[in-house]
Structure formats: structure tokens, C-alpha cells
Amino acid sequence: MTTIIVAVILGVAVLLAGSLPWGVALAPLNLRIGVRVPWAVVPMAAYLWGYWTFVRGDWGSPAHAATRRHDLRAHALPGDVWPAALVAGLIGFGALLALIAVLARLVTLPQSAQIPTPAGMPAATMLVLLTMASVVAGVTEEAAFRGYMQTPIEERYGLPLAILVNGTMFGLLHFPNHPDSVLVMLPYYIGVAAIYGGLTWAANSILPSLVLHVGGDIWSLGRLWMTGRPEWQLSPSPPALIRETGVDKGFLLAMASLTLLTALTVAGYRAVRRMRLAAQA
């Protein structure tokens, strides 16, 4: 239990240390001052580079550098493992979409407000800021949840509990996005953690998950900005719940898709792990 508590506290600290400068200071300022130019990207990029080199153990206390490097788990991958890891992760995204389709028939998923563009800000500037927000989220959340939080729990208690813990924390810390539906959304965030955490286990590196996380956030934030629909809202209007319609063909198809894509994701992750071990050998 001590391992879990320490890993959770450390993971949350790593998350806040990386994300707060952007979310609390730089991005809000850029939305009010000098709105025509995405100037906040420059200081945030410099800060993020320093943050990454610290959590990776490249500078700071030499006594803890090896521990930081180990916990972050940002190991380089052989070139032939990268494509397999990314393809397996994309199949995992497909399984996640199927999970959303199933959840949307079981419970009412929350709506989201469209991201507003400040008066006088060009669309290109807003797009650059959303892209930087995605990079910040991908780097800091993977370092925190799949690195510092998952690694020690996985090594001591195994992958399933590590995913359950970091997925639960991942969901709870996203409560500002849907404060009235935190518990309803937990299965979704645990599913996200399973995609990223399973891929981290397979590759023994957070790097493929980090790349996919950044790309996924660019898509989801861009979609929210343009349509007002979050990533878990697949259609403009919510589908009917099965308690109103009964189990129908659409729900059975969603369940079958979820089962198939989950099985393909697991097989893909196992293949990535075998390729990685063979390359290391």
C-alpha cells in the first residue's frame, strides 16, 4: 500500500509541476494579452524542455537521477518496434471508441461547452495554442501517470492494478471537465489508461503513448473547439439508452466491436512486447 500511496503522490506532483505554468499562467495570459500572436508557446516550450530533462534525470540531484530515469521510463525504442507500437495503439483507440459507443447506451455521458476564441484572435493563433496545450498534456500526463505512477505499482503489484490506480486518478483529476459526472466517466478514463498503460508495458517506454496522447489531444481539443463536442460524444445528439429501447442490434454491434478490437489490441501489445524483447536480446 505504501508503494501505491507514494506513487500516486509523486505522480500528481509531476503532473502539476509540468502543467500548471501553462494552465494557470501562460495560456490565460495569452488569451487576454497579445491575442494575435501565440507568444506563450515560446516560454512554455523552454519550460517544458527543462521539466523533461529534470524528470528524465539529466539534471538535478545526482543521488536521485537514476530513480527519476527509471520511473519516467522514457526508454528509446528500436526503429522496427516504433511502427508496431503506433499501429497497436491506434487499434487501441478503436477499442476506446467502441467502449464509448457502449457507455453512451448505458448511461448519459456529459456534454461540454465549446472552446471560445477570444475576440481579435486569429484562428491560426488559436490552433497553435491548442496544439501546445496538447503537447503539454501529452508530456506531463504520460510522465506522471504512465511513468512515475504506473512504473512502481506495476513492478510491485502487476499491470492490472497499476492501470486501475492510474486510470482512476486520471479520471478524478479530470473532474473540472465534467464535475457532475465524475463517476460516470471513470470507466472511460480507465479505458484510456489501459490503452496508454498497456502500450507502455509492451514497449517498456512511455514514448509511443506520449506521441499518441499528443495526437489524440490535438484531435479532441480541435474537435471541441470547432464543434463543441468532446471526444466521448460521437454524434451531435446522444443515442437512446438501452433501458428505454431494450437491447437492440446497434448495442450488440457495439459490444461485438468492443470485444473484437480489445482482443486485437491485446494481441498487438503482446506482439510489440515480443519484438522489443527480441531486439534487446
C-alpha atoms as a PDB file:
ATOM      1  CA  MET A   1       0.000   0.000   0.000  1.00  0.00           C
ATOM      2  CA  THR A   2       2.882   2.384   0.734  1.00  0.00           C
ATOM      3  CA  THR A   3       4.142   1.910  -2.826  1.00  0.00           C
ATOM      4  CA  ILE A   4       0.743   2.919  -4.223  1.00  0.00           C
ATOM      5  CA  ILE A   5       0.385   5.972  -1.981  1.00  0.00           C
ATOM      6  CA  VAL A   6       3.894   7.234  -2.752  1.00  0.00           C
ATOM      7  CA  ALA A   7       3.459   6.601  -6.480  1.00  0.00           C
ATOM      8  CA  VAL A   8       0.141   8.484  -6.559  1.00  0.00           C
ATOM      9  CA  ILE A   9       1.514  11.482  -4.636  1.00  0.00           C
ATOM     10  CA  LEU A  10       4.655  11.625  -6.763  1.00  0.00           C
ATOM     11  CA  GLY A  11       2.689  11.239  -9.989  1.00  0.00           C
ATOM     12  CA  VAL A  12       0.319  14.078  -9.088  1.00  0.00           C
ATOM     13  CA  ALA A  13       3.297  16.269  -8.145  1.00  0.00           C
ATOM     14  CA  VAL A  14       4.974  15.557 -11.501  1.00  0.00           C
ATOM     15  CA  LEU A  15       1.720  16.368 -13.316  1.00  0.00           C
ATOM     16  CA  LEU A  16       1.182  19.685 -11.535  1.00  0.00           C
ATOM     17  CA  ALA A  17       4.812  20.753 -11.869  1.00  0.00           C
ATOM     18  CA  GLY A  18       4.612  20.342 -15.625  1.00  0.00           C
ATOM     19  CA  SER A  19       1.096  21.564 -16.420  1.00  0.00           C
ATOM     20  CA  LEU A  20       0.380  24.439 -14.024  1.00  0.00           C
ATOM     21  CA  PRO A  21       2.639  27.043 -15.690  1.00  0.00           C
ATOM     22  CA  TRP A  22       0.678  26.626 -18.914  1.00  0.00           C
ATOM     23  CA  GLY A  23      -2.818  26.169 -17.499  1.00  0.00           C
ATOM     24  CA  VAL A  24      -2.666  28.789 -14.749  1.00  0.00           C
ATOM     25  CA  ALA A  25      -0.331  31.455 -16.121  1.00  0.00           C
ATOM     26  CA  LEU A  26       0.824  31.399 -19.747  1.00  0.00           C
ATOM     27  CA  ALA A  27      -2.275  30.266 -21.646  1.00  0.00           C
ATOM     28  CA  PRO A  28      -4.735  32.516 -19.737  1.00  0.00           C
ATOM     29  CA  LEU A  29      -2.411  35.496 -20.269  1.00  0.00           C
ATOM     30  CA  ASN A  30      -2.115  34.816 -23.999  1.00  0.00           C
ATOM     31  CA  LEU A  31      -5.915  34.694 -24.231  1.00  0.00           C
ATOM     32  CA  ARG A  32      -6.091  38.231 -22.812  1.00  0.00           C
ATOM     33  CA  ILE A  33      -2.846  39.965 -23.845  1.00  0.00           C
ATOM     34  CA  GLY A  34      -1.290  39.992 -27.301  1.00  0.00           C
ATOM     35  CA  VAL A  35      -4.048  37.735 -28.621  1.00  0.00           C
ATOM     36  CA  ARG A  36      -2.960  37.959 -32.247  1.00  0.00           C
ATOM     37  CA  VAL A  37       0.305  36.094 -31.633  1.00  0.00           C
ATOM     38  CA  PRO A  38       0.761  32.753 -29.790  1.00  0.00           C
ATOM     39  CA  TRP A  39       3.657  34.159 -27.761  1.00  0.00           C
ATOM     40  CA  ALA A  40       3.037  31.850 -24.758  1.00  0.00           C
ATOM     41  CA  VAL A  41       4.302  28.882 -26.782  1.00  0.00           C
ATOM     42  CA  VAL A  42       7.910  30.098 -26.599  1.00  0.00           C
ATOM     43  CA  PRO A  43       8.340  30.315 -22.778  1.00  0.00           C
ATOM     44  CA  MET A  44       6.301  27.134 -22.331  1.00  0.00           C
ATOM     45  CA  ALA A  45       8.481  25.224 -24.776  1.00  0.00           C
ATOM     46  CA  ALA A  46      11.569  26.321 -22.828  1.00  0.00           C
ATOM     47  CA  TYR A  47       9.979  25.369 -19.515  1.00  0.00           C
ATOM     48  CA  LEU A  48       8.808  22.010 -20.873  1.00  0.00           C
ATOM     49  CA  TRP A  49      12.321  21.199 -22.082  1.00  0.00           C
ATOM     50  CA  GLY A  50      13.733  21.920 -18.609  1.00  0.00           C
ATOM     51  CA  TYR A  51      10.920  19.942 -16.973  1.00  0.00           C
ATOM     52  CA  TRP A  52      11.510  16.940 -19.246  1.00  0.00           C
ATOM     53  CA  THR A  53      15.259  16.885 -18.700  1.00  0.00           C
ATOM     54  CA  PHE A  54      14.702  17.040 -14.935  1.00  0.00           C
ATOM     55  CA  VAL A  55      12.125  14.238 -14.682  1.00  0.00           C
ATOM     56  CA  ARG A  56      14.344  12.193 -17.025  1.00  0.00           C
ATOM     57  CA  GLY A  57      17.234  12.552 -14.588  1.00  0.00           C
ATOM     58  CA  ASP A  58      19.503  14.593 -16.862  1.00  0.00           C
ATOM     59  CA  TRP A  59      19.975  17.333 -14.269  1.00  0.00           C
ATOM     60  CA  GLY A  60      19.149  17.927 -10.630  1.00  0.00           C
ATOM     61  CA  SER A  61      20.283  15.872  -7.669  1.00  0.00           C
ATOM     62  CA  PRO A  62      22.667  13.121  -8.893  1.00  0.00           C
ATOM     63  CA  ALA A  63      21.586  10.965  -5.953  1.00  0.00           C
ATOM     64  CA  HIS A  64      18.062  10.654  -7.399  1.00  0.00           C
ATOM     65  CA  ALA A  65      18.843  10.852 -11.117  1.00  0.00           C
ATOM     66  CA  ALA A  66      18.800   7.079 -11.647  1.00  0.00           C
ATOM     67  CA  THR A  67      15.469   6.755  -9.821  1.00  0.00           C
ATOM     68  CA  ARG A  68      13.913   9.542 -11.891  1.00  0.00           C
ATOM     69  CA  ARG A  69      15.187   7.988 -15.108  1.00  0.00           C
ATOM     70  CA  HIS A  70      13.844   4.584 -14.077  1.00  0.00           C
ATOM     71  CA  ASP A  71      10.417   5.859 -13.019  1.00  0.00           C
ATOM     72  CA  LEU A  72       9.901   8.056 -16.083  1.00  0.00           C
ATOM     73  CA  ARG A  73      10.531   5.047 -18.333  1.00  0.00           C
ATOM     74  CA  ALA A  74      11.275   7.126 -21.428  1.00  0.00           C
ATOM     75  CA  HIS A  75      13.451   4.428 -22.970  1.00  0.00           C
ATOM     76  CA  ALA A  76      14.481   4.647 -26.610  1.00  0.00           C
ATOM     77  CA  LEU A  77      12.899   2.022 -28.885  1.00  0.00           C
ATOM     78  CA  PRO A  78      14.418   0.117 -31.809  1.00  0.00           C
ATOM     79  CA  GLY A  79      13.297   1.532 -35.146  1.00  0.00           C
ATOM     80  CA  ASP A  80      11.287  -1.542 -36.139  1.00  0.00           C
ATOM     81  CA  VAL A  81       9.329  -1.516 -32.858  1.00  0.00           C
ATOM     82  CA  TRP A  82       8.047   2.045 -33.325  1.00  0.00           C
ATOM     83  CA  PRO A  83       5.629   1.340 -36.230  1.00  0.00           C
ATOM     84  CA  ALA A  84       4.238  -1.752 -34.498  1.00  0.00           C
ATOM     85  CA  ALA A  85       3.713   0.191 -31.266  1.00  0.00           C
ATOM     86  CA  LEU A  86       1.903   3.048 -33.013  1.00  0.00           C
ATOM     87  CA  VAL A  87      -0.326   0.695 -35.018  1.00  0.00           C
ATOM     88  CA  ALA A  88      -1.195  -1.291 -31.883  1.00  0.00           C
ATOM     89  CA  GLY A  89      -2.013   1.952 -30.071  1.00  0.00           C
ATOM     90  CA  LEU A  90      -4.261   3.115 -32.923  1.00  0.00           C
ATOM     91  CA  ILE A  91      -6.151  -0.189 -32.731  1.00  0.00           C
ATOM     92  CA  GLY A  92      -6.480   0.555 -29.019  1.00  0.00           C
ATOM     93  CA  PHE A  93      -8.052   3.906 -29.920  1.00  0.00           C
ATOM     94  CA  GLY A  94     -10.572   1.962 -31.996  1.00  0.00           C
ATOM     95  CA  ALA A  95     -11.402  -0.167 -28.951  1.00  0.00           C
ATOM     96  CA  LEU A  96     -11.811   3.034 -26.930  1.00  0.00           C
ATOM     97  CA  LEU A  97     -14.316   4.404 -29.461  1.00  0.00           C
ATOM     98  CA  ALA A  98     -16.252   1.141 -29.208  1.00  0.00           C
ATOM     99  CA  LEU A  99     -16.215   1.470 -25.406  1.00  0.00           C
ATOM    100  CA  ILE A 100     -17.642   4.989 -25.745  1.00  0.00           C
ATOM    101  CA  ALA A 101     -20.411   3.663 -28.008  1.00  0.00           C
ATOM    102  CA  VAL A 102     -21.306   1.053 -25.382  1.00  0.00           C
ATOM    103  CA  LEU A 103     -21.157   3.504 -22.458  1.00  0.00           C
ATOM    104  CA  ALA A 104     -23.338   6.009 -24.320  1.00  0.00           C
ATOM    105  CA  ARG A 105     -26.121   3.402 -24.473  1.00  0.00           C
ATOM    106  CA  LEU A 106     -25.790   2.529 -20.772  1.00  0.00           C
ATOM    107  CA  VAL A 107     -25.502   5.977 -19.167  1.00  0.00           C
ATOM    108  CA  THR A 108     -25.943   9.604 -20.148  1.00  0.00           C
ATOM    109  CA  LEU A 109     -22.489  10.995 -20.906  1.00  0.00           C
ATOM    110  CA  PRO A 110     -21.906  14.677 -20.095  1.00  0.00           C
ATOM    111  CA  GLN A 111     -21.952  17.483 -22.612  1.00  0.00           C
ATOM    112  CA  SER A 112     -19.152  20.053 -22.947  1.00  0.00           C
ATOM    113  CA  ALA A 113     -19.052  23.742 -23.753  1.00  0.00           C
ATOM    114  CA  GLN A 114     -17.342  24.770 -26.982  1.00  0.00           C
ATOM    115  CA  ILE A 115     -13.885  26.278 -26.561  1.00  0.00           C
ATOM    116  CA  PRO A 116     -14.325  30.004 -27.285  1.00  0.00           C
ATOM    117  CA  THR A 117     -11.934  32.043 -29.404  1.00  0.00           C
ATOM    118  CA  PRO A 118     -11.136  35.434 -27.832  1.00  0.00           C
ATOM    119  CA  ALA A 119     -12.152  38.496 -29.789  1.00  0.00           C
ATOM    120  CA  GLY A 120      -9.407  39.527 -32.195  1.00  0.00           C
ATOM    121  CA  MET A 121      -7.523  36.213 -32.044  1.00  0.00           C
ATOM    122  CA  PRO A 122      -6.870  34.647 -35.484  1.00  0.00           C
ATOM    123  CA  ALA A 123      -7.892  31.034 -35.949  1.00  0.00           C
ATOM    124  CA  ALA A 124      -4.263  30.102 -36.693  1.00  0.00           C
ATOM    125  CA  THR A 125      -3.152  31.513 -33.325  1.00  0.00           C
ATOM    126  CA  MET A 126      -5.878  29.556 -31.520  1.00  0.00           C
ATOM    127  CA  LEU A 127      -4.839  26.391 -33.329  1.00  0.00           C
ATOM    128  CA  VAL A 128      -1.206  26.867 -32.263  1.00  0.00           C
ATOM    129  CA  LEU A 129      -2.274  27.370 -28.637  1.00  0.00           C
ATOM    130  CA  LEU A 130      -4.453  24.237 -28.731  1.00  0.00           C
ATOM    131  CA  THR A 131      -1.537  22.301 -30.201  1.00  0.00           C
ATOM    132  CA  MET A 132       0.768  23.459 -27.401  1.00  0.00           C
ATOM    133  CA  ALA A 133      -1.917  22.546 -24.847  1.00  0.00           C
ATOM    134  CA  SER A 134      -1.960  19.047 -26.386  1.00  0.00           C
ATOM    135  CA  VAL A 135       1.838  18.762 -26.187  1.00  0.00           C
ATOM    136  CA  VAL A 136       1.807  19.900 -22.544  1.00  0.00           C
ATOM    137  CA  ALA A 137      -0.932  17.394 -21.692  1.00  0.00           C
ATOM    138  CA  GLY A 138       0.775  14.538 -23.546  1.00  0.00           C
ATOM    139  CA  VAL A 139       4.188  15.109 -21.996  1.00  0.00           C
ATOM    140  CA  THR A 140       3.087  15.830 -18.429  1.00  0.00           C
ATOM    141  CA  GLU A 141       0.284  13.260 -18.185  1.00  0.00           C
ATOM    142  CA  GLU A 142       2.336  10.420 -19.623  1.00  0.00           C
ATOM    143  CA  ALA A 143       5.305  11.335 -17.422  1.00  0.00           C
ATOM    144  CA  ALA A 144       3.032  11.479 -14.380  1.00  0.00           C
ATOM    145  CA  PHE A 145       0.510   8.669 -14.894  1.00  0.00           C
ATOM    146  CA  ARG A 146       2.261   6.091 -17.077  1.00  0.00           C
ATOM    147  CA  GLY A 147       5.743   6.948 -15.822  1.00  0.00           C
ATOM    148  CA  TYR A 148       6.070   7.942 -12.197  1.00  0.00           C
ATOM    149  CA  MET A 149       2.725   6.494 -11.085  1.00  0.00           C
ATOM    150  CA  GLN A 150       2.448   3.285 -13.107  1.00  0.00           C
ATOM    151  CA  THR A 151       6.053   2.076 -13.057  1.00  0.00           C
ATOM    152  CA  PRO A 152       6.492   1.354  -9.322  1.00  0.00           C
ATOM    153  CA  ILE A 153       2.964  -0.045  -8.906  1.00  0.00           C
ATOM    154  CA  GLU A 154       3.355  -2.276 -11.960  1.00  0.00           C
ATOM    155  CA  GLU A 155       6.699  -3.611 -10.747  1.00  0.00           C
ATOM    156  CA  ARG A 156       5.324  -4.441  -7.297  1.00  0.00           C
ATOM    157  CA  TYR A 157       1.705  -5.437  -7.941  1.00  0.00           C
ATOM    158  CA  GLY A 158       1.418  -6.076 -11.673  1.00  0.00           C
ATOM    159  CA  LEU A 159      -0.053  -4.268 -14.667  1.00  0.00           C
ATOM    160  CA  PRO A 160      -3.828  -4.597 -13.975  1.00  0.00           C
ATOM    161  CA  LEU A 161      -3.665  -2.847 -10.594  1.00  0.00           C
ATOM    162  CA  ALA A 162      -1.259  -0.230 -11.961  1.00  0.00           C
ATOM    163  CA  ILE A 163      -3.726   0.598 -14.752  1.00  0.00           C
ATOM    164  CA  LEU A 164      -6.672   0.657 -12.337  1.00  0.00           C
ATOM    165  CA  VAL A 165      -4.884   3.063  -9.978  1.00  0.00           C
ATOM    166  CA  ASN A 166      -3.501   5.442 -12.593  1.00  0.00           C
ATOM    167  CA  GLY A 167      -6.745   5.308 -14.590  1.00  0.00           C
ATOM    168  CA  THR A 168      -8.807   6.171 -11.512  1.00  0.00           C
ATOM    169  CA  MET A 169      -6.528   9.085 -10.668  1.00  0.00           C
ATOM    170  CA  PHE A 170      -6.517  10.128 -14.324  1.00  0.00           C
ATOM    171  CA  GLY A 171     -10.303  10.327 -14.209  1.00  0.00           C
ATOM    172  CA  LEU A 172     -10.570  12.038 -10.832  1.00  0.00           C
ATOM    173  CA  LEU A 173      -8.106  14.739 -11.862  1.00  0.00           C
ATOM    174  CA  HIS A 174     -10.175  15.464 -14.970  1.00  0.00           C
ATOM    175  CA  PHE A 175     -13.202  16.367 -12.827  1.00  0.00           C
ATOM    176  CA  PRO A 176     -13.161  20.068 -13.916  1.00  0.00           C
ATOM    177  CA  ASN A 177     -14.205  18.862 -17.394  1.00  0.00           C
ATOM    178  CA  HIS A 178     -17.428  17.320 -16.025  1.00  0.00           C
ATOM    179  CA  PRO A 179     -17.812  17.975 -12.268  1.00  0.00           C
ATOM    180  CA  ASP A 180     -21.284  16.413 -12.110  1.00  0.00           C
ATOM    181  CA  SER A 181     -20.330  13.186 -13.903  1.00  0.00           C
ATOM    182  CA  VAL A 182     -17.005  12.135 -12.390  1.00  0.00           C
ATOM    183  CA  LEU A 183     -18.090   8.579 -11.523  1.00  0.00           C
ATOM    184  CA  VAL A 184     -19.983   8.147 -14.802  1.00  0.00           C
ATOM    185  CA  MET A 185     -16.815   8.985 -16.726  1.00  0.00           C
ATOM    186  CA  LEU A 186     -14.419   6.799 -14.691  1.00  0.00           C
ATOM    187  CA  PRO A 187     -14.782   3.715 -16.971  1.00  0.00           C
ATOM    188  CA  TYR A 188     -13.803   5.897 -19.926  1.00  0.00           C
ATOM    189  CA  TYR A 189     -10.654   7.211 -18.230  1.00  0.00           C
ATOM    190  CA  ILE A 190      -9.697   3.755 -17.012  1.00  0.00           C
ATOM    191  CA  GLY A 191     -10.096   2.633 -20.632  1.00  0.00           C
ATOM    192  CA  VAL A 192      -7.782   5.448 -21.736  1.00  0.00           C
ATOM    193  CA  ALA A 193      -5.275   4.373 -19.077  1.00  0.00           C
ATOM    194  CA  ALA A 194      -5.485   0.793 -20.323  1.00  0.00           C
ATOM    195  CA  ILE A 195      -4.599   1.905 -23.868  1.00  0.00           C
ATOM    196  CA  TYR A 196      -1.656   4.065 -22.832  1.00  0.00           C
ATOM    197  CA  GLY A 197      -0.577   1.954 -19.854  1.00  0.00           C
ATOM    198  CA  GLY A 198      -0.739  -1.322 -21.772  1.00  0.00           C
ATOM    199  CA  LEU A 199       1.342   0.151 -24.572  1.00  0.00           C
ATOM    200  CA  THR A 200       3.879   1.444 -22.045  1.00  0.00           C
ATOM    201  CA  TRP A 201       4.132  -2.074 -20.596  1.00  0.00           C
ATOM    202  CA  ALA A 202       4.558  -3.600 -24.058  1.00  0.00           C
ATOM    203  CA  ALA A 203       7.229  -1.133 -25.222  1.00  0.00           C
ATOM    204  CA  ASN A 204       8.755  -0.630 -21.757  1.00  0.00           C
ATOM    205  CA  SER A 205       8.655   3.054 -22.666  1.00  0.00           C
ATOM    206  CA  ILE A 206       6.180   5.919 -22.396  1.00  0.00           C
ATOM    207  CA  LEU A 207       7.345   7.391 -25.717  1.00  0.00           C
ATOM    208  CA  PRO A 208       4.810   5.695 -28.062  1.00  0.00           C
ATOM    209  CA  SER A 209       1.970   6.553 -25.684  1.00  0.00           C
ATOM    210  CA  LEU A 210       3.250  10.115 -25.440  1.00  0.00           C
ATOM    211  CA  VAL A 211       3.155  10.501 -29.236  1.00  0.00           C
ATOM    212  CA  LEU A 212      -0.350   9.029 -29.458  1.00  0.00           C
ATOM    213  CA  HIS A 213      -1.528  11.124 -26.500  1.00  0.00           C
ATOM    214  CA  VAL A 214      -0.379  14.359 -28.136  1.00  0.00           C
ATOM    215  CA  GLY A 215      -2.006  13.410 -31.429  1.00  0.00           C
ATOM    216  CA  GLY A 216      -5.219  12.342 -29.709  1.00  0.00           C
ATOM    217  CA  ASP A 217      -5.425  15.586 -27.753  1.00  0.00           C
ATOM    218  CA  ILE A 218      -4.862  17.696 -30.874  1.00  0.00           C
ATOM    219  CA  TRP A 219      -7.814  15.896 -32.440  1.00  0.00           C
ATOM    220  CA  SER A 220     -10.073  16.075 -29.367  1.00  0.00           C
ATOM    221  CA  LEU A 221      -9.314  19.715 -28.487  1.00  0.00           C
ATOM    222  CA  GLY A 222      -9.618  20.763 -32.113  1.00  0.00           C
ATOM    223  CA  ARG A 223     -12.949  18.961 -32.374  1.00  0.00           C
ATOM    224  CA  LEU A 224     -14.211  20.569 -29.161  1.00  0.00           C
ATOM    225  CA  TRP A 225     -13.125  23.978 -30.456  1.00  0.00           C
ATOM    226  CA  MET A 226     -14.826  23.558 -33.827  1.00  0.00           C
ATOM    227  CA  THR A 227     -17.957  21.583 -32.906  1.00  0.00           C
ATOM    228  CA  GLY A 228     -18.438  21.888 -29.152  1.00  0.00           C
ATOM    229  CA  ARG A 229     -18.462  18.088 -28.835  1.00  0.00           C
ATOM    230  CA  PRO A 230     -15.958  16.286 -26.545  1.00  0.00           C
ATOM    231  CA  GLU A 231     -14.185  13.137 -27.691  1.00  0.00           C
ATOM    232  CA  TRP A 232     -16.716  10.899 -25.950  1.00  0.00           C
ATOM    233  CA  GLN A 233     -19.680  12.446 -27.810  1.00  0.00           C
ATOM    234  CA  LEU A 234     -19.588  10.607 -31.125  1.00  0.00           C
ATOM    235  CA  SER A 235     -22.752  12.119 -32.621  1.00  0.00           C
ATOM    236  CA  PRO A 236     -24.435  15.544 -32.393  1.00  0.00           C
ATOM    237  CA  SER A 237     -27.229  14.140 -30.215  1.00  0.00           C
ATOM    238  CA  PRO A 238     -26.940  11.448 -27.511  1.00  0.00           C
ATOM    239  CA  PRO A 239     -28.157   7.966 -28.512  1.00  0.00           C
ATOM    240  CA  ALA A 240     -31.149   6.393 -26.776  1.00  0.00           C
ATOM    241  CA  LEU A 241     -30.351   4.431 -23.628  1.00  0.00           C
ATOM    242  CA  ILE A 242     -30.981   0.691 -23.715  1.00  0.00           C
ATOM    243  CA  ARG A 243     -33.226   0.980 -20.660  1.00  0.00           C
ATOM    244  CA  GLU A 244     -35.559   2.889 -22.963  1.00  0.00           C
ATOM    245  CA  THR A 245     -35.140   0.818 -26.139  1.00  0.00           C
ATOM    246  CA  GLY A 246     -34.039  -2.554 -24.856  1.00  0.00           C
ATOM    247  CA  VAL A 247     -31.030  -4.417 -26.206  1.00  0.00           C
ATOM    248  CA  ASP A 248     -31.096  -3.763 -29.929  1.00  0.00           C
ATOM    249  CA  LYS A 249     -28.940  -4.506 -32.952  1.00  0.00           C
ATOM    250  CA  GLY A 250     -26.887  -1.315 -32.550  1.00  0.00           C
ATOM    251  CA  PHE A 251     -25.922  -2.139 -28.970  1.00  0.00           C
ATOM    252  CA  LEU A 252     -24.999  -5.725 -29.857  1.00  0.00           C
ATOM    253  CA  LEU A 253     -22.841  -4.437 -32.717  1.00  0.00           C
ATOM    254  CA  ALA A 254     -21.080  -2.008 -30.366  1.00  0.00           C
ATOM    255  CA  MET A 255     -20.434  -4.830 -27.886  1.00  0.00           C
ATOM    256  CA  ALA A 256     -19.097  -7.105 -30.618  1.00  0.00           C
ATOM    257  CA  SER A 257     -16.824  -4.306 -31.905  1.00  0.00           C
ATOM    258  CA  LEU A 258     -15.539  -3.663 -28.386  1.00  0.00           C
ATOM    259  CA  THR A 259     -14.776  -7.347 -27.860  1.00  0.00           C
ATOM    260  CA  LEU A 260     -13.017  -7.761 -31.196  1.00  0.00           C
ATOM    261  CA  LEU A 261     -10.977  -4.556 -31.013  1.00  0.00           C
ATOM    262  CA  THR A 262      -9.971  -5.251 -27.407  1.00  0.00           C
ATOM    263  CA  ALA A 263      -8.724  -8.707 -28.414  1.00  0.00           C
ATOM    264  CA  LEU A 264      -6.792  -7.204 -31.347  1.00  0.00           C
ATOM    265  CA  THR A 265      -5.285  -4.556 -29.060  1.00  0.00           C
ATOM    266  CA  VAL A 266      -4.112  -7.160 -26.554  1.00  0.00           C
ATOM    267  CA  ALA A 267      -2.629  -9.246 -29.369  1.00  0.00           C
ATOM    268  CA  GLY A 268      -0.924  -6.167 -30.795  1.00  0.00           C
ATOM    269  CA  TYR A 269       0.584  -5.219 -27.441  1.00  0.00           C
ATOM    270  CA  ARG A 270       1.888  -8.740 -26.938  1.00  0.00           C
ATOM    271  CA  ALA A 271       3.461  -8.619 -30.404  1.00  0.00           C
ATOM    272  CA  VAL A 272       5.123  -5.298 -29.557  1.00  0.00           C
ATOM    273  CA  ARG A 273       6.490  -6.783 -26.342  1.00  0.00           C
ATOM    274  CA  ARG A 274       7.907  -9.796 -28.194  1.00  0.00           C
ATOM    275  CA  MET A 275       9.530  -7.561 -30.806  1.00  0.00           C
ATOM    276  CA  ARG A 276      11.016  -5.337 -28.123  1.00  0.00           C
ATOM    277  CA  LEU A 277      12.414  -8.286 -26.150  1.00  0.00           C
ATOM    278  CA  ALA A 278      13.833  -9.857 -29.302  1.00  0.00           C
ATOM    279  CA  ALA A 279      15.510  -6.573 -30.259  1.00  0.00           C
ATOM    280  CA  GLN A 280      17.022  -6.265 -26.781  1.00  0.00           C
ATOM    281  CA  ALA A 281      18.262  -9.850 -26.892  1.00  0.00           C
END
